[in-house]
Amino acid sequence: MEWLKYMSKQTITYLSPLDALIAVAKRLSLYENQHKLDSEEFFHQYRQGKTSDEIEFIEWANDYQHYLALRQEIEQDLSDQITNDWLEEAEVRDLDLTSGEVIGYESSQVFADLRDYLKNLEDYEEKLVRGDIQW
């Protein structure tokens, strides 16, 4: 039970899910640099039982799962916000309910805007993990 002494519980409070995502991404970057292995590939190997049960690998796997959950939460929040903003704007304009289009703003544009925003978030995360962005 030597490993139990390393498993102290620590609670960290973040101001937003994005702050938490950045912190987790930085921890993942440290693991990736140390082991010269992408977190996604590591997690794939971990789930297949191809890694040891060292506490570091357990923590890495937990951080990666937390990272995925945070990304999903942020993406859903962004999607909801963009949709809500679009719907509020649609109420102000004339809405053609049969085509789903707002005069001057096609419904497909909402999803294009969301895709662009999520791509920018992914680019930012990649730069952060590579160390191109310091904070």
Protein backbone atom coordinates (compact mmCIF):
# COMPACT_ATOMS: atom_id res chain seq x y z
CA MET A 1 0.00 0.00 0.00
CA GLU A 2 2.99 2.25 -0.56
CA TRP A 3 1.10 4.07 -3.36
CA LEU A 4 -1.69 5.21 -1.01
CA LYS A 5 0.51 7.93 0.46
CA TYR A 6 0.58 9.59 -2.98
CA MET A 7 -3.18 9.67 -3.37
CA SER A 8 -3.98 12.74 -1.33
CA LYS A 9 -7.22 14.44 -2.24
CA GLN A 10 -6.87 17.96 -3.55
CA THR A 11 -9.69 20.32 -4.40
CA ILE A 12 -9.06 23.16 -6.81
CA THR A 13 -11.76 25.67 -7.67
CA TYR A 14 -11.77 27.33 -11.08
CA LEU A 15 -13.69 30.42 -12.11
CA SER A 16 -14.98 28.80 -15.29
CA PRO A 17 -14.92 25.51 -17.19
CA LEU A 18 -12.49 27.16 -19.63
CA ASP A 19 -10.06 27.90 -16.77
CA ALA A 20 -10.34 24.26 -15.70
CA LEU A 21 -9.81 23.07 -19.28
CA ILE A 22 -6.64 25.14 -19.60
CA ALA A 23 -5.27 23.79 -16.32
CA VAL A 24 -6.01 20.19 -17.30
CA ALA A 25 -4.54 20.73 -20.78
CA LYS A 26 -1.32 21.97 -19.17
CA ARG A 27 -1.13 18.85 -16.98
CA LEU A 28 -1.74 16.66 -20.02
CA SER A 29 1.03 18.49 -21.85
CA LEU A 30 3.44 17.67 -19.03
CA TYR A 31 2.55 13.96 -19.22
CA GLU A 32 2.85 13.97 -23.01
CA ASN A 33 6.27 15.65 -22.96
CA GLN A 34 7.55 13.35 -20.22
CA HIS A 35 6.40 10.14 -21.92
CA LYS A 36 6.65 11.30 -25.55
CA LEU A 37 3.10 10.09 -26.12
CA ASP A 38 -0.11 11.87 -27.11
CA SER A 39 -2.81 11.74 -24.40
CA GLU A 40 -5.37 10.27 -26.79
CA GLU A 41 -3.03 7.43 -27.73
CA PHE A 42 -2.03 6.91 -24.10
CA PHE A 43 -5.68 6.66 -23.07
CA HIS A 44 -6.36 4.17 -25.84
CA GLN A 45 -3.48 2.00 -24.57
CA TYR A 46 -4.56 2.50 -20.95
CA ARG A 47 -8.11 1.31 -21.67
CA GLN A 48 -6.71 -1.75 -23.41
CA GLY A 49 -4.59 -2.58 -20.35
CA LYS A 50 -1.30 -1.95 -22.17
CA THR A 51 0.06 0.37 -19.47
CA SER A 52 1.09 -0.31 -15.90
CA ASP A 53 -1.06 0.56 -12.88
CA GLU A 54 1.36 3.23 -11.69
CA ILE A 55 -0.35 6.12 -9.96
CA GLU A 56 0.97 8.53 -12.57
CA PHE A 57 -0.85 6.65 -15.34
CA ILE A 58 -4.05 6.53 -13.30
CA GLU A 59 -3.84 10.30 -12.76
CA TRP A 60 -3.08 10.85 -16.46
CA ALA A 61 -6.10 8.79 -17.46
CA ASN A 62 -8.29 10.68 -14.97
CA ASP A 63 -7.02 14.03 -16.26
CA TYR A 64 -7.72 12.98 -19.84
CA GLN A 65 -11.27 11.91 -18.97
CA HIS A 66 -11.75 15.22 -17.14
CA TYR A 67 -10.41 17.06 -20.20
CA LEU A 68 -12.91 15.27 -22.47
CA ALA A 69 -15.80 16.05 -20.12
CA LEU A 70 -14.81 19.72 -19.88
CA ARG A 71 -14.52 20.02 -23.67
CA GLN A 72 -17.94 18.48 -24.09
CA GLU A 73 -19.42 20.84 -21.49
CA ILE A 74 -17.84 23.91 -23.11
CA GLU A 75 -18.89 22.85 -26.60
CA GLN A 76 -22.46 22.28 -25.41
CA ASP A 77 -22.51 25.64 -23.63
CA LEU A 78 -21.20 27.37 -26.76
CA SER A 79 -23.72 25.58 -28.94
CA ASP A 80 -26.54 26.53 -26.57
CA GLN A 81 -25.36 30.15 -26.38
CA ILE A 82 -25.01 30.53 -30.13
CA THR A 83 -28.41 28.93 -30.66
CA ASN A 84 -30.00 31.16 -28.02
CA ASP A 85 -28.38 34.27 -29.50
CA TRP A 86 -29.59 33.26 -32.95
CA LEU A 87 -33.12 32.64 -31.68
CA GLU A 88 -33.21 36.00 -29.90
CA GLU A 89 -32.04 37.69 -33.08
CA ALA A 90 -34.65 35.74 -35.05
CA GLU A 91 -37.41 37.03 -32.79
CA VAL A 92 -36.37 40.59 -33.60
CA ARG A 93 -36.38 39.92 -37.33
CA ASP A 94 -39.10 38.37 -39.49
CA LEU A 95 -38.86 34.60 -39.32
CA ASP A 96 -40.00 32.37 -42.17
CA LEU A 97 -41.07 29.31 -40.19
CA THR A 98 -41.51 27.13 -43.23
CA SER A 99 -37.93 27.45 -44.42
CA GLY A 100 -36.28 27.95 -41.04
CA GLU A 101 -34.52 31.01 -42.33
CA VAL A 102 -34.26 34.46 -40.87
CA ILE A 103 -34.22 37.23 -43.41
CA GLY A 104 -30.55 37.99 -43.95
CA TYR A 105 -29.30 35.11 -41.80
CA GLU A 106 -29.73 31.52 -42.93
CA SER A 107 -30.17 28.86 -40.26
CA SER A 108 -27.17 26.98 -41.63
CA GLN A 109 -25.04 30.03 -40.78
CA VAL A 110 -25.61 29.34 -37.06
CA PHE A 111 -23.90 25.98 -37.40
CA ALA A 112 -21.12 27.42 -39.55
CA ASP A 113 -20.49 30.04 -36.87
CA LEU A 114 -20.43 27.33 -34.20
CA ARG A 115 -17.99 25.19 -36.21
CA ASP A 116 -15.70 28.21 -36.67
CA TYR A 117 -15.79 29.02 -32.96
CA LEU A 118 -15.05 25.42 -31.96
CA LYS A 119 -12.19 25.25 -34.48
CA ASN A 120 -10.70 28.40 -32.93
CA LEU A 121 -11.00 26.78 -29.50
CA GLU A 122 -9.20 23.66 -30.75
CA ASP A 123 -6.44 25.79 -32.32
CA TYR A 124 -6.02 27.65 -29.03
CA GLU A 125 -5.81 24.39 -27.08
CA GLU A 126 -3.18 23.00 -29.47
CA LYS A 127 -1.07 26.15 -29.12
CA LEU A 128 -1.42 25.99 -25.34
CA VAL A 129 -0.36 22.33 -25.21
CA ARG A 130 2.60 22.96 -27.53
CA GLY A 131 3.66 25.85 -25.33
CA ASP A 132 3.17 28.48 -28.05
CA ILE A 133 1.00 30.42 -25.60
CA GLN A 134 2.31 31.34 -22.16
CA TRP A 135 0.07 32.55 -19.35
